[in-house]
Protein backbone atom coordinates (compact mmCIF):
# COMPACT_ATOMS: atom_id res chain seq x y z
CA MET A 1 0.00 0.00 0.00
CA ALA A 2 1.44 3.37 -1.03
CA THR A 3 1.89 5.86 1.79
CA ALA A 4 0.97 8.89 -0.34
CA SER A 5 -2.49 7.55 -1.14
CA VAL A 6 -3.58 6.89 2.50
CA ALA A 7 -4.90 9.53 4.91
CA PHE A 8 -3.72 9.24 8.54
CA LYS A 9 -5.33 10.68 11.66
CA SER A 10 -2.05 11.83 13.24
CA ARG A 11 1.69 11.95 12.73
CA GLU A 12 2.10 9.03 15.11
CA ASP A 13 0.02 6.77 12.89
CA HIS A 14 2.03 7.88 9.87
CA ARG A 15 5.30 7.13 11.63
CA LYS A 16 4.14 3.64 12.69
CA GLN A 17 3.10 2.86 9.13
CA LEU A 18 6.50 3.87 7.75
CA GLU A 19 8.29 1.69 10.34
CA LEU A 20 6.09 -1.27 9.42
CA GLU A 21 6.91 -0.88 5.71
CA GLU A 22 10.63 -0.68 6.43
CA ALA A 23 10.40 -3.87 8.50
CA ARG A 24 8.57 -5.63 5.69
CA LYS A 25 11.26 -4.62 3.18
CA ALA A 26 13.93 -6.00 5.51
CA GLY A 27 11.98 -9.23 5.99
CA LEU A 28 11.41 -8.64 9.70
CA ALA A 29 7.61 -8.30 9.40
CA PRO A 30 5.03 -10.32 7.49
CA ALA A 31 4.11 -8.86 4.09
CA GLU A 32 0.66 -7.41 3.47
CA LEU A 33 -1.55 -9.65 1.33
CA ASP A 34 -4.27 -8.66 -1.15
CA GLU A 35 -7.66 -10.33 -1.64
CA ASP A 36 -6.17 -13.18 -3.70
CA GLY A 37 -3.52 -13.92 -1.09
CA LYS A 38 -0.64 -12.35 -3.05
CA GLU A 39 1.97 -10.04 -1.55
CA ILE A 40 1.43 -6.33 -2.21
CA ASN A 41 4.35 -4.21 -3.38
CA PRO A 42 3.98 -0.80 -1.74
CA HIS A 43 5.84 0.99 -4.55
CA ILE A 44 3.59 -0.26 -7.41
CA PRO A 45 -0.02 0.90 -7.81
CA GLN A 46 -2.45 -1.99 -7.56
CA TYR A 47 -4.22 -1.24 -10.85
CA MET A 48 -0.98 -2.00 -12.81
CA SER A 49 0.29 -5.50 -13.53
CA SER A 50 3.92 -4.32 -13.73
CA ALA A 51 5.32 -0.90 -12.91
CA PRO A 52 7.13 0.93 -15.74
CA TRP A 53 10.76 1.97 -15.32
CA TYR A 54 9.95 5.64 -15.16
CA LEU A 55 7.50 5.29 -12.24
CA ASN A 56 8.57 7.12 -9.12
CA ALA A 57 6.79 5.26 -6.33
CA GLU A 58 7.79 7.78 -3.66
CA ARG A 59 5.64 10.50 -5.26
CA PRO A 60 1.82 10.69 -5.03
CA SER A 61 -0.02 8.43 -7.52
CA LEU A 62 -3.44 8.53 -9.18
CA LYS A 63 -4.66 5.48 -7.34
CA HIS A 64 -7.48 7.41 -5.66
CA GLN A 65 -9.04 8.46 -9.01
CA ARG A 66 -10.46 5.10 -10.05
CA LYS A 67 -12.16 2.10 -8.53
CA TRP A 68 -9.09 -0.06 -8.12
CA LYS A 69 -10.48 -2.37 -5.47
CA SER A 70 -12.43 -5.30 -6.83
CA ASP A 71 -15.77 -6.18 -5.30
CA PRO A 72 -15.39 -9.28 -3.09
CA ASN A 73 -18.89 -10.43 -4.07
CA TYR A 74 -17.89 -10.84 -7.73
CA THR A 75 -16.49 -14.19 -8.84
CA LYS A 76 -14.60 -15.53 -11.84
CA SER A 77 -15.84 -19.12 -11.59
CA TRP A 78 -18.28 -20.66 -14.07
CA TYR A 79 -20.99 -23.27 -14.17
CA ASP A 80 -20.05 -26.89 -13.51
CA ARG A 81 -21.30 -28.37 -16.78
CA GLY A 82 -23.18 -31.65 -16.48
CA ALA A 83 -22.78 -31.94 -12.70
CA LYS A 84 -25.46 -33.84 -10.75
CA THR A 85 -26.30 -33.46 -7.06
CA PHE A 86 -28.82 -36.05 -5.82
CA GLN A 87 -30.13 -39.31 -7.26
CA ALA A 88 -33.67 -40.07 -6.05
CA GLU A 89 -35.10 -43.60 -5.98
CA LYS A 90 -38.79 -42.66 -6.19
CA PHE A 91 -40.84 -39.84 -7.58
CA ARG A 92 -41.09 -36.74 -5.39
CA LYS A 93 -43.88 -34.22 -5.30
CA GLY A 94 -43.19 -31.17 -7.45
CA ALA A 95 -40.60 -32.95 -9.60
CA CYS A 96 -40.60 -33.16 -13.41
CA GLU A 97 -43.38 -35.45 -14.64
CA ASN A 98 -41.23 -36.69 -17.50
CA CYS A 99 -37.82 -37.53 -15.97
CA GLY A 100 -38.39 -37.09 -12.22
CA ALA A 101 -35.72 -34.44 -11.55
CA LEU A 102 -36.66 -31.88 -8.91
CA THR A 103 -34.70 -29.00 -10.43
CA HIS A 104 -37.03 -28.30 -13.36
CA ASP A 105 -40.61 -28.87 -14.51
CA LYS A 106 -42.04 -30.80 -17.45
CA LYS A 107 -42.06 -27.76 -19.73
CA ALA A 108 -38.32 -27.13 -19.27
CA CYS A 109 -37.28 -30.80 -19.51
CA VAL A 110 -34.66 -31.46 -22.20
CA GLU A 111 -34.89 -35.26 -22.17
CA ARG A 112 -36.83 -37.22 -24.77
CA PRO A 113 -40.54 -37.28 -23.91
CA ARG A 114 -41.35 -40.69 -22.45
CA LYS A 115 -44.44 -42.66 -23.32
CA LEU A 116 -45.17 -42.91 -19.58
CA GLY A 117 -43.39 -40.35 -17.45
CA ALA A 118 -41.57 -40.99 -14.22
CA LYS A 119 -44.58 -39.68 -12.30
CA TRP A 120 -46.62 -42.73 -13.27
CA THR A 121 -43.91 -45.40 -13.59
CA GLY A 122 -41.60 -44.37 -10.73
CA LYS A 123 -38.62 -45.82 -12.63
CA HIS A 124 -35.47 -44.34 -14.15
CA ILE A 125 -35.58 -41.21 -12.05
CA ALA A 126 -33.14 -38.64 -13.44
CA PRO A 127 -30.66 -37.07 -10.96
CA ASP A 128 -31.04 -33.45 -9.96
CA GLU A 129 -28.88 -30.93 -11.79
CA LYS A 130 -26.43 -28.71 -10.01
CA ILE A 131 -27.87 -25.18 -10.08
CA GLU A 132 -25.47 -22.34 -9.49
CA THR A 133 -25.89 -18.58 -9.44
CA PHE A 134 -22.98 -16.21 -9.97
CA GLU A 135 -22.72 -12.49 -9.51
CA LEU A 136 -20.45 -11.36 -12.35
CA ASP A 137 -18.92 -7.94 -12.71
CA TYR A 138 -19.01 -5.77 -15.82
CA ASP A 139 -16.11 -7.55 -17.53
CA GLY A 140 -17.28 -11.00 -16.49
CA LYS A 141 -20.70 -10.54 -18.10
CA ARG A 142 -19.07 -9.54 -21.39
CA ASP A 143 -16.26 -12.10 -21.45
CA ARG A 144 -16.97 -14.37 -24.39
CA TRP A 145 -14.35 -16.89 -23.28
CA ASN A 146 -15.62 -17.16 -19.72
CA GLY A 147 -15.87 -20.84 -18.80
CA TYR A 148 -13.85 -22.03 -21.81
CA ASP A 149 -11.49 -24.93 -21.16
CA ALA A 150 -8.34 -24.59 -23.28
CA ALA A 151 -7.54 -28.27 -22.76
CA SER A 152 -10.55 -29.21 -24.93
CA TYR A 153 -8.68 -27.97 -28.04
CA LYS A 154 -5.67 -30.15 -27.38
CA HIS A 155 -7.05 -33.12 -29.33
CA VAL A 156 -7.39 -30.93 -32.47
CA ILE A 157 -3.72 -29.94 -32.27
CA GLN A 158 -2.69 -33.54 -31.71
CA ARG A 159 -4.67 -34.70 -34.75
CA TYR A 160 -3.00 -32.15 -37.05
CA GLU A 161 0.45 -32.94 -35.68
CA ALA A 162 -0.12 -36.66 -36.21
CA ARG A 163 -1.25 -35.98 -39.79
CA ASP A 164 1.83 -33.90 -40.59
CA GLU A 165 4.09 -36.52 -39.04
CA ALA A 166 2.47 -39.34 -41.01
CA ARG A 167 2.69 -37.32 -44.22
CA GLY A 168 6.37 -36.59 -43.73
CA LYS A 169 7.08 -40.24 -42.98
CA PHE A 170 5.18 -41.38 -46.06
CA LEU A 171 7.03 -38.99 -48.36
CA LYS A 172 10.31 -40.05 -46.92
CA ASP A 173 9.52 -43.76 -47.42
CA VAL A 174 8.43 -43.14 -51.01
CA GLN A 175 11.61 -41.29 -51.89
CA LEU A 176 13.81 -43.91 -50.22
CA LYS A 177 11.96 -46.67 -52.05
CA LYS A 178 12.45 -44.95 -55.42
CA LEU A 179 16.13 -44.44 -54.70
CA GLU A 180 16.60 -48.06 -53.70
CA GLU A 181 14.86 -49.28 -56.87
CA LYS A 182 17.07 -47.03 -58.96
CA ASN A 183 20.21 -48.35 -57.25
CA ASN A 184 19.06 -51.97 -57.67
CA ASN A 185 18.50 -51.44 -61.39
CA GLN A 186 21.97 -50.00 -61.76
CA ASN A 187 23.46 -52.90 -59.81
CA LYS A 188 21.80 -55.41 -62.13
CA GLU A 189 23.12 -53.70 -65.23
CA ASP A 190 26.64 -53.09 -63.98
CA GLY A 191 28.85 -54.95 -61.59
CA VAL A 192 28.45 -54.21 -57.95
CA SER A 193 31.54 -53.27 -55.96
CA ASP A 194 32.23 -52.17 -52.43
CA ASP A 195 32.69 -48.59 -53.55
CA GLU A 196 29.26 -48.61 -55.15
CA ASP A 197 27.74 -49.92 -51.94
CA ASN A 198 29.29 -47.03 -50.10
CA ASP A 199 27.90 -44.66 -52.72
CA ASP A 200 24.44 -46.18 -52.30
CA SER A 201 24.49 -45.64 -48.58
CA LEU A 202 25.69 -42.09 -49.19
CA LYS A 203 22.80 -41.46 -51.60
CA VAL A 204 20.31 -42.76 -49.04
CA ASP A 205 21.69 -40.30 -46.49
CA GLU A 206 21.46 -37.52 -49.07
CA ALA A 207 17.81 -38.45 -49.70
CA LYS A 208 17.12 -38.05 -46.01
CA VAL A 209 18.69 -34.61 -46.08
CA ASP A 210 16.73 -33.64 -49.21
CA GLU A 211 13.52 -34.78 -47.54
CA SER A 212 14.14 -32.47 -44.59
CA LYS A 213 14.79 -29.62 -47.00
CA GLN A 214 11.55 -30.33 -48.82
CA MET A 215 9.63 -30.25 -45.56
CA ASP A 216 11.12 -26.83 -44.84
CA PHE A 217 10.37 -25.78 -48.39
CA ALA A 218 6.63 -26.49 -48.00
CA LYS A 219 6.41 -24.92 -44.56
CA VAL A 220 4.20 -21.86 -44.11
CA GLU A 221 5.91 -19.13 -42.12
CA LYS A 222 4.67 -15.90 -40.52
CA ARG A 223 5.55 -12.59 -42.08
CA VAL A 224 6.63 -10.14 -39.40
CA ARG A 225 7.49 -6.56 -40.40
CA THR A 226 8.31 -7.43 -44.00
CA THR A 227 7.80 -5.41 -47.15
CA GLY A 228 5.42 -8.02 -48.46
CA GLY A 229 2.77 -7.48 -45.80
CA GLY A 230 1.94 -7.09 -42.14
CA SER A 231 2.39 -9.42 -39.26
CA THR A 232 -1.03 -11.03 -39.74
CA GLY A 233 -0.34 -12.41 -43.23
CA THR A 234 1.31 -15.68 -44.25
CA VAL A 235 3.81 -16.47 -46.96
CA ARG A 236 5.11 -19.70 -48.42
CA ASN A 237 8.86 -20.08 -48.61
CA LEU A 238 8.85 -20.90 -52.32
CA ARG A 239 12.37 -19.85 -53.34
CA ILE A 240 15.64 -21.30 -52.27
CA ARG A 241 18.00 -18.46 -51.41
CA GLU A 242 20.71 -19.77 -53.72
CA ASP A 243 18.47 -19.29 -56.77
CA THR A 244 18.68 -16.14 -58.84
CA ALA A 245 16.08 -13.56 -57.90
CA LYS A 246 13.46 -12.79 -60.53
CA TYR A 247 14.53 -9.16 -60.80
CA LEU A 248 18.09 -10.24 -61.62
CA LEU A 249 17.18 -12.52 -64.54
CA ASN A 250 17.15 -9.61 -66.98
CA LEU A 251 18.96 -6.40 -66.04
CA ASP A 252 17.58 -4.43 -68.97
CA VAL A 253 15.64 -1.38 -67.73
CA ASN A 254 13.03 -1.91 -70.47
CA SER A 255 12.37 -5.53 -69.51
CA ALA A 256 9.51 -6.82 -67.35
CA HIS A 257 8.50 -4.54 -64.48
CA TYR A 258 9.19 -5.73 -60.95
CA ASP A 259 7.03 -4.45 -58.08
CA PRO A 260 9.13 -4.58 -54.87
CA LYS A 261 6.14 -4.09 -52.57
CA THR A 262 4.25 -7.18 -53.71
CA ARG A 263 7.38 -8.98 -55.02
CA SER A 264 5.59 -9.63 -58.30
CA MET A 265 6.80 -9.61 -61.90
CA ARG A 266 3.81 -10.24 -64.13
CA GLU A 267 5.50 -10.32 -67.53
CA ASP A 268 8.15 -12.75 -68.72
CA PRO A 269 11.65 -11.31 -68.08
CA LEU A 270 13.18 -13.57 -70.78
CA PRO A 271 10.63 -13.89 -73.60
CA ASP A 272 13.20 -14.97 -76.23
CA MET A 273 14.59 -17.83 -74.16
CA ASP A 274 13.75 -21.48 -74.85
CA PRO A 275 10.63 -22.40 -72.78
CA ASN A 276 12.13 -25.77 -71.91
CA GLU A 277 15.12 -24.10 -70.26
CA LYS A 278 13.26 -21.36 -68.39
CA PHE A 279 12.70 -21.76 -64.68
CA TYR A 280 10.55 -18.64 -64.34
CA ALA A 281 8.15 -17.26 -66.99
CA GLY A 282 6.39 -14.46 -65.08
CA ASP A 283 3.54 -14.42 -62.60
CA ASN A 284 0.95 -14.30 -65.38
CA GLN A 285 1.94 -17.86 -66.25
CA ASN A 286 0.19 -19.01 -63.08
CA ARG A 287 -3.01 -17.16 -64.04
CA VAL A 288 -3.41 -19.02 -67.35
CA SER A 289 -2.56 -22.51 -66.13
CA GLY A 290 -3.66 -25.00 -63.52
CA GLN A 291 -6.61 -24.36 -61.24
CA ALA A 292 -6.57 -20.61 -61.90
CA LEU A 293 -7.63 -21.20 -65.51
CA GLU A 294 -10.32 -23.65 -64.41
CA PHE A 295 -11.67 -21.13 -61.91
CA LYS A 296 -11.72 -18.45 -64.60
CA GLN A 297 -13.66 -20.73 -66.96
CA LEU A 298 -16.09 -21.52 -64.14
CA ASN A 299 -16.73 -17.80 -63.59
CA VAL A 300 -17.25 -17.19 -67.30
CA HIS A 301 -19.71 -20.10 -67.50
CA ALA A 302 -21.66 -18.73 -64.50
CA TRP A 303 -21.89 -15.27 -66.11
CA GLU A 304 -23.07 -16.66 -69.46
CA ALA A 305 -25.63 -18.92 -67.76
CA PHE A 306 -26.97 -15.97 -65.76
CA ASP A 307 -27.30 -13.89 -68.95
CA LYS A 308 -29.29 -16.73 -70.56
CA GLY A 309 -31.82 -16.78 -67.69
CA HIS A 310 -30.43 -19.40 -65.30
CA ASP A 311 -30.42 -18.60 -61.59
CA VAL A 312 -26.68 -19.10 -61.06
CA HIS A 313 -24.40 -16.98 -58.89
CA MET A 314 -20.77 -17.87 -58.29
CA GLN A 315 -20.47 -16.04 -54.96
CA ALA A 316 -23.93 -16.84 -53.55
CA ALA A 317 -23.99 -20.55 -54.48
CA PRO A 318 -20.52 -21.75 -55.57
CA SER A 319 -21.33 -25.44 -55.18
CA GLN A 320 -24.36 -25.12 -57.44
CA ALA A 321 -22.35 -23.21 -60.05
CA GLU A 322 -19.57 -25.81 -60.01
CA LEU A 323 -22.04 -28.68 -60.33
CA LEU A 324 -23.79 -27.00 -63.27
CA TYR A 325 -20.43 -26.39 -64.96
CA LYS A 326 -19.50 -30.04 -64.45
CA ASN A 327 -22.78 -31.21 -65.99
CA PHE A 328 -22.28 -28.74 -68.84
CA LYS A 329 -18.86 -30.19 -69.65
CA ILE A 330 -20.22 -33.74 -69.56
CA ASN A 331 -23.11 -32.88 -71.89
CA LYS A 332 -20.73 -30.99 -74.18
CA GLU A 333 -18.42 -34.01 -74.46
CA LYS A 334 -21.41 -36.28 -75.15
CA LEU A 335 -22.67 -33.97 -77.89
CA LYS A 336 -19.20 -33.69 -79.37
CA SER A 337 -18.72 -37.46 -79.47
CA HIS A 338 -22.23 -37.94 -80.88
CA THR A 339 -21.54 -35.42 -83.66
CA LYS A 340 -18.22 -37.08 -84.40
CA ASP A 341 -19.81 -40.52 -84.64
CA LYS A 342 -22.54 -39.17 -86.87
CA ILE A 343 -20.04 -37.59 -89.27
CA MET A 344 -17.90 -40.73 -89.33
CA GLU A 345 -20.96 -42.85 -89.99
CA LYS A 346 -21.95 -40.64 -92.90
CA TYR A 347 -18.57 -39.93 -94.50
CA GLY A 348 -16.37 -42.64 -93.08
CA ASN A 349 -13.11 -42.45 -91.15
CA ALA A 350 -9.99 -41.85 -93.22
CA ALA A 351 -7.76 -42.57 -90.20
CA ALA A 352 -9.21 -46.06 -89.68
CA ASP A 353 -7.39 -49.25 -90.60
CA GLU A 354 -9.90 -50.13 -93.32
CA VAL A 355 -8.38 -51.09 -96.65
CA ILE A 356 -9.06 -48.41 -99.27
CA PRO A 357 -10.12 -49.75 -102.70
CA ARG A 358 -7.38 -49.72 -105.32
CA GLU A 359 -9.51 -47.71 -107.74
CA LEU A 360 -9.90 -44.91 -105.21
CA LEU A 361 -6.31 -45.17 -104.06
CA LEU A 362 -4.85 -44.72 -107.57
CA GLY A 363 -7.64 -42.48 -108.80
CA GLN A 364 -8.38 -44.68 -111.85
CA SER A 365 -11.70 -44.96 -113.64
CA GLU A 366 -13.05 -45.85 -117.09
CA ARG A 367 -14.49 -42.40 -117.72
CA GLU A 368 -12.83 -40.70 -120.71
CA VAL A 369 -12.03 -37.04 -120.33
CA GLU A 370 -10.54 -34.91 -123.12
CA TYR A 371 -8.40 -31.82 -122.38
CA ASP A 372 -7.08 -29.04 -124.58
CA ARG A 373 -3.56 -27.58 -124.66
CA ALA A 374 -4.35 -25.19 -121.83
CA GLY A 375 -5.64 -27.99 -119.56
CA ARG A 376 -9.33 -27.12 -119.88
CA ILE A 377 -11.85 -29.93 -120.14
CA ILE A 378 -13.34 -30.22 -123.62
CA LYS A 379 -15.65 -33.17 -123.09
CA GLY A 380 -16.11 -36.19 -120.92
CA GLN A 381 -16.85 -34.51 -117.58
CA GLU A 382 -19.91 -32.47 -116.93
CA MET A 383 -19.48 -29.23 -115.05
CA ALA A 384 -20.78 -29.52 -111.50
CA LEU A 385 -23.31 -26.88 -110.72
CA PRO A 386 -22.80 -25.13 -107.40
CA LYS A 387 -25.48 -25.91 -104.85
CA SER A 388 -27.39 -23.19 -103.06
CA LYS A 389 -28.49 -23.09 -99.45
CA TYR A 390 -32.04 -22.32 -100.66
CA GLU A 391 -34.50 -24.90 -101.93
CA GLU A 392 -34.26 -25.49 -105.68
CA ASP A 393 -36.79 -26.84 -108.20
CA VAL A 394 -39.64 -26.86 -105.69
CA TYR A 395 -42.95 -26.32 -107.55
CA ILE A 396 -46.04 -25.25 -105.62
CA ASN A 397 -49.70 -24.63 -106.49
CA ASN A 398 -49.57 -26.75 -109.70
CA HIS A 399 -46.82 -24.61 -111.26
CA THR A 400 -44.31 -26.18 -113.63
CA SER A 401 -41.71 -23.45 -113.12
CA VAL A 402 -40.32 -21.59 -110.13
CA TRP A 403 -41.01 -18.03 -109.10
CA GLY A 404 -38.68 -15.64 -110.89
CA SER A 405 -38.46 -17.65 -114.12
CA TRP A 406 -40.34 -14.93 -116.08
CA TRP A 407 -39.78 -11.16 -116.28
CA LYS A 408 -41.94 -8.49 -117.87
CA ASP A 409 -42.53 -4.80 -117.28
CA HIS A 410 -40.18 -4.73 -114.28
CA GLN A 411 -42.05 -7.56 -112.55
CA TRP A 412 -41.07 -11.14 -111.75
CA GLY A 413 -43.49 -14.02 -112.30
CA TYR A 414 -44.03 -17.61 -113.32
CA LYS A 415 -43.03 -18.70 -116.83
CA CYS A 416 -45.73 -21.39 -117.01
CA CYS A 417 -48.73 -19.03 -116.62
CA HIS A 418 -47.24 -15.50 -116.80
CA GLN A 419 -48.62 -14.57 -113.38
CA THR A 420 -46.88 -11.87 -111.37
CA VAL A 421 -48.59 -12.68 -108.06
CA ARG A 422 -46.46 -14.94 -105.90
CA ASN A 423 -48.04 -18.07 -104.33
CA SER A 424 -50.92 -17.84 -106.84
CA TYR A 425 -52.48 -20.93 -108.40
CA CYS A 426 -51.23 -21.88 -111.86
CA THR A 427 -53.70 -21.31 -114.74
CA GLY A 428 -51.49 -22.69 -117.50
CA ALA A 429 -51.95 -21.73 -121.18
CA ALA A 430 -55.50 -20.49 -120.56
CA GLY A 431 -54.16 -17.98 -118.07
CA ILE A 432 -51.62 -16.75 -120.62
CA GLU A 433 -54.37 -16.27 -123.25
CA ALA A 434 -56.63 -14.50 -120.74
CA ALA A 435 -53.76 -12.20 -119.71
CA GLU A 436 -53.03 -11.35 -123.35
CA ALA A 437 -56.73 -10.67 -124.07
CA SER A 438 -56.95 -8.46 -120.99
CA ALA A 439 -53.87 -6.54 -122.10
CA ASP A 440 -55.31 -6.06 -125.64
CA LEU A 441 -58.61 -4.83 -124.24
CA MET A 442 -56.82 -2.38 -121.97
CA LYS A 443 -54.81 -1.04 -124.91
CA ALA A 444 -58.00 -0.58 -126.98
CA ASN A 445 -59.71 1.31 -124.15
CA ILE A 446 -56.71 3.57 -123.70
CA ALA A 447 -56.61 4.34 -127.44
CA ARG A 448 -60.34 5.09 -127.55
CA LYS A 449 -60.04 7.40 -124.56
CA GLU A 450 -57.15 9.26 -126.16
CA ALA A 451 -59.16 9.68 -129.37
CA THR A 452 -62.13 11.16 -127.53
CA GLU A 453 -59.92 13.56 -125.61
CA ASP A 454 -58.47 14.96 -128.87
CA ALA A 455 -61.93 16.40 -130.02
CA PRO A 456 -63.65 17.95 -126.98
CA VAL A 457 -67.40 18.64 -127.26
CA ALA A 458 -68.49 22.30 -126.82
CA ALA A 459 -70.47 22.56 -123.65
CA GLU A 460 -73.81 24.45 -123.95
CA GLU A 461 -74.15 27.41 -121.65
CA LYS A 462 -77.23 26.89 -119.58
CA ARG A 463 -79.02 29.57 -117.71
CA VAL A 464 -80.00 28.71 -114.25
CA ALA A 465 -83.16 29.99 -112.74
CA THR A 466 -83.18 31.86 -109.52
CA TRP A 467 -84.80 29.00 -107.68
CA GLY A 468 -82.00 26.60 -108.66
CA SER A 469 -83.44 24.77 -111.63
CA GLU A 470 -82.57 25.25 -115.22
CA VAL A 471 -84.26 28.09 -117.04
CA PRO A 472 -86.71 26.74 -119.55
CA ASP A 473 -86.23 27.75 -123.13
CA ASP A 474 -89.67 29.41 -123.43
CA LEU A 475 -89.14 31.69 -120.37
CA VAL A 476 -89.39 35.43 -121.27
CA LEU A 477 -88.88 38.22 -118.73
CA ASP A 478 -90.69 41.55 -119.03
CA GLN A 479 -88.08 44.32 -118.83
CA LYS A 480 -90.55 46.87 -117.39
CA ARG A 481 -91.60 44.53 -114.61
CA LEU A 482 -87.96 43.68 -114.01
CA ILE A 483 -87.12 47.39 -113.43
CA GLU A 484 -90.04 47.70 -111.01
CA ALA A 485 -88.88 44.58 -109.19
CA LEU A 486 -85.38 46.02 -108.85
CA GLN A 487 -86.76 49.24 -107.35
CA LYS A 488 -88.94 47.28 -104.98
CA GLU A 489 -85.87 45.21 -103.89
CA ASP A 490 -83.95 48.42 -103.15
CA GLU A 491 -86.76 49.73 -100.97
CA ARG A 492 -86.92 46.45 -99.08
CA LYS A 493 -83.18 46.57 -98.31
CA ARG A 494 -83.48 50.20 -97.12
CA GLU A 495 -86.25 49.16 -94.74
CA GLU A 496 -84.08 46.35 -93.43
CA ARG A 497 -81.27 48.77 -92.72
CA ASP A 498 -83.53 51.31 -90.99
CA GLU A 499 -86.78 50.02 -89.54
CA ARG A 500 -88.01 53.57 -88.71
CA LYS A 501 -88.90 54.08 -92.39
CA ARG A 502 -91.26 51.13 -92.31
CA LYS A 503 -94.89 52.38 -92.54
CA TYR A 504 -97.51 51.53 -89.99
CA ASN A 505 -99.90 49.90 -92.39
CA VAL A 506 -98.00 47.39 -94.48
CA LYS A 507 -99.54 45.42 -97.24
CA TRP A 508 -97.77 42.11 -97.76
CA ASN A 509 -97.97 40.21 -100.98
CA ASP A 510 -96.54 36.70 -101.00
CA GLU A 511 -96.87 36.21 -104.72
CA VAL A 512 -93.42 35.94 -106.31
CA THR A 513 -93.01 36.50 -110.01
CA PRO A 514 -90.01 35.48 -112.13
CA GLU A 515 -89.08 39.14 -112.36
CA ASP A 516 -88.97 39.40 -108.55
CA MET A 517 -86.70 36.33 -108.34
CA GLU A 518 -84.42 37.75 -111.00
CA ALA A 519 -84.24 41.10 -109.14
CA PHE A 520 -83.38 39.27 -105.88
CA ARG A 521 -80.66 37.32 -107.65
CA MET A 522 -79.18 40.44 -109.15
CA LYS A 523 -79.22 42.43 -105.90
CA ARG A 524 -78.01 39.80 -103.47
CA VAL A 525 -74.43 39.91 -102.14
CA HIS A 526 -72.01 37.43 -103.62
CA HIS A 527 -69.54 36.53 -100.87
CA ASP A 528 -67.04 35.19 -103.35
CA ASP A 529 -67.01 38.46 -105.29
CA PRO A 530 -63.81 40.43 -104.54
CA MET A 531 -65.63 43.69 -105.36
CA LYS A 532 -68.58 43.09 -103.05
CA ASP A 533 -67.43 45.80 -100.62
CA PHE A 534 -67.69 48.47 -103.32
CA LEU A 535 -71.33 47.77 -104.20
CA ASN A 536 -74.12 50.19 -103.25
């Protein structure tokens, strides 16, 4: 306990406390113990696990500013899993009706429901569970590893260690066996001497050393403060340090780029070198070979299947996508083999061991072909007509020729019936005669029409009566009555413009004479007349 963080009632108490601490340092007085029974160092604050070098314990500390004493009621223990307390021999009142334990009821029972519970049978009474209650502090309630037993993971570590040991032993035995077989074959071919036996034993020892190197070569090591990554990553020790580094294979500044941060060189540093002699061909070589290429093809297949409407997603359901791609490859191989068999069945297999006929082998036949000086065929071999992808010589609707075999007046038609309507029914020679007769009749009508248009008939000028009908030939208008009718029409229009001039006593005559109608026609306004505004 630090002296600076304790308040004393008097100087005497302070002096006694200092003497007690000095005696404890000298070993003359028992040390002060904390709650866990450990000795308390008076120069180290109790909220620190180890005091730093710069701490001056003689000066006042900040111990009084936080709750550094732990509550004695809190505990760090955990539940005793699977512990039982009491085994009853008969059913007790208030116990579980299913198993007979007194620590829970039937609703909370986790055993299999019995056909007849322990309440009615009184047999196989389950023991009572050990029920514990703990008062945990703030950290104890939130400790996710509280109650975890680290010894339970020991069997997992042992299993992996046994697997690695068995694998190393198996690889070693395989390599030793191969080396022994190789040495035995050499001994059978050549004479065996004592020196060779010594060499064989030396080779076996070298194989053991190589095996240990290979185990180190495949080991995965932690990367700690390296340029390739942080301390949480892993790297495989893939390069023996005696090998030439990839950035030293080609010292040309214009060669493949080397990224020192990721230690990658994507392009080939020596593209002109023989591929069989190259040890390193760039990091891109790994992307287009092995499982990387298969994974790329799987992704491409998933994208194409999704575009075609299949519910495939490489990230959401990788197993489904891989299974579909596997089935696709199987079906593709089946279709390919089926197509191959079909073609071979139709055209034969030139690579087979069947004996080819001598006539075909030597190209001999009895057909006589005559050539000219230039090598052109004169007679003896008919010229092969090129085939079209369209249907040829297919006659429909009783036609004897195909569509397009006849042309007239910028129109295609059938030669057999001279029809220009496609997919029409063939009428034969009768149709041709009817078409010619129709054409002759049309020509005659056109000529007759042109002849009539050359001599136009003079149209008679007809007078139209005022009431809309034609004026009869025997109609004669009296000029005197016509003048009177015109005057009367003027008076009527003046009265319409000014009703004050209309007389009180008006005599109306509804008899209309031809002269009155003619006067009305002459005086009315023609709306189509451009000079109508200048009248009157």
